[in-house]
Amino acid sequence: RIADTLRPARRQVLVLEGHAFAGEADEPGADRRLAFERALAVRRHLVERRSFPAERVEARAWLVELDGRPDNRAVDARLITPQEQER
């Protein structure tokens, strides 16, 4: 429902951060992969079904330590405007 509010405007990039608890998955390294897969699933939906420009939507992984929060199996989204490098 909020997809259109996340659509990158001129020069913006949408950063999607998939979350997973450290130790959530059984295999070593699978936690980071699980977090990335969550962000990638949202990216895929936005690009394929909502026609977002693929080059302006990034998926990333974010691991969190178990800290008593009941659930952190989510994907955060934020729009950023990259700074141009000085030449």
Protein backbone atom coordinates (compact mmCIF):
# COMPACT_ATOMS: atom_id res chain seq x y z
CA ARG A 1 0.00 0.00 0.00
CA ILE A 2 2.87 2.40 0.54
CA ALA A 3 4.85 1.52 -2.58
CA ASP A 4 4.13 4.78 -4.41
CA THR A 5 5.45 6.83 -1.49
CA LEU A 6 8.75 4.94 -1.79
CA ARG A 7 9.24 5.52 -5.51
CA PRO A 8 12.65 7.20 -6.02
CA ALA A 9 12.43 10.72 -7.40
CA ARG A 10 15.13 12.39 -9.45
CA ARG A 11 18.62 11.20 -8.36
CA GLN A 12 17.23 9.28 -5.35
CA VAL A 13 17.94 5.65 -4.50
CA LEU A 14 15.63 3.42 -2.47
CA VAL A 15 17.62 1.37 0.04
CA LEU A 16 15.90 -1.76 1.36
CA GLU A 17 17.47 -3.31 4.46
CA GLY A 18 16.40 -6.86 5.24
CA HIS A 19 16.72 -7.82 8.90
CA ALA A 20 17.48 -11.12 10.58
CA PHE A 21 18.55 -12.06 14.08
CA ALA A 22 22.11 -13.25 14.47
CA GLY A 23 21.64 -16.97 15.09
CA GLU A 24 18.16 -17.13 13.52
CA ALA A 25 19.23 -19.58 10.80
CA ASP A 26 20.90 -22.94 11.41
CA GLU A 27 23.80 -22.74 8.94
CA PRO A 28 26.84 -20.49 9.39
CA GLY A 29 26.41 -17.37 7.27
CA ALA A 30 22.75 -18.14 6.59
CA ASP A 31 21.57 -15.25 8.79
CA ARG A 32 23.04 -12.63 6.47
CA ARG A 33 21.67 -14.49 3.45
CA LEU A 34 18.21 -14.64 5.07
CA ALA A 35 18.27 -10.88 5.73
CA PHE A 36 19.37 -10.21 2.15
CA GLU A 37 16.68 -12.54 0.73
CA ARG A 38 14.02 -10.59 2.62
CA ALA A 39 15.18 -7.30 1.11
CA LEU A 40 15.58 -8.89 -2.30
CA ALA A 41 11.98 -10.16 -2.25
CA VAL A 42 10.69 -6.63 -1.63
CA ARG A 43 13.01 -5.25 -4.34
CA ARG A 44 11.78 -7.86 -6.81
CA HIS A 45 8.16 -6.93 -6.09
CA LEU A 46 8.80 -3.20 -6.53
CA VAL A 47 10.76 -3.65 -9.77
CA GLU A 48 8.63 -6.34 -11.40
CA ARG A 49 5.16 -5.45 -10.23
CA ARG A 50 5.39 -1.72 -9.51
CA SER A 51 7.81 -0.75 -12.33
CA PHE A 52 10.42 0.84 -10.08
CA PRO A 53 13.70 1.53 -11.92
CA ALA A 54 15.92 -1.45 -11.04
CA GLU A 55 19.11 0.62 -11.02
CA ARG A 56 17.66 2.84 -8.27
CA VAL A 57 16.55 0.15 -5.79
CA GLU A 58 19.21 -1.54 -3.62
CA ALA A 59 18.78 -4.58 -1.38
CA ARG A 60 21.02 -4.94 1.68
CA ALA A 61 21.33 -7.25 4.69
CA TRP A 62 21.30 -6.10 8.29
CA LEU A 63 21.95 -8.44 11.22
CA VAL A 64 20.85 -7.60 14.75
CA GLU A 65 21.81 -9.24 18.00
CA LEU A 66 19.03 -10.83 20.02
CA ASP A 67 18.14 -8.03 22.40
CA GLY A 68 14.73 -8.94 23.73
CA ARG A 69 12.72 -7.52 20.85
CA PRO A 70 9.90 -9.92 19.98
CA ASP A 71 10.35 -9.83 16.22
CA ASN A 72 12.69 -8.17 13.79
CA ARG A 73 11.97 -10.11 10.62
CA ALA A 74 11.27 -7.04 8.58
CA VAL A 75 12.56 -4.89 5.76
CA ASP A 76 13.23 -1.21 6.35
CA ALA A 77 13.07 1.22 3.44
CA ARG A 78 14.57 4.67 3.06
CA LEU A 79 15.14 7.06 0.21
CA ILE A 80 18.58 8.59 -0.07
CA THR A 81 20.11 11.13 -2.42
CA PRO A 82 23.75 10.23 -3.07
CA GLN A 83 26.19 13.12 -3.02
CA GLU A 84 28.03 13.78 -6.25
CA GLN A 85 31.78 13.32 -5.99
CA GLU A 86 34.00 16.31 -6.54
CA ARG A 87 36.28 16.01 -9.54
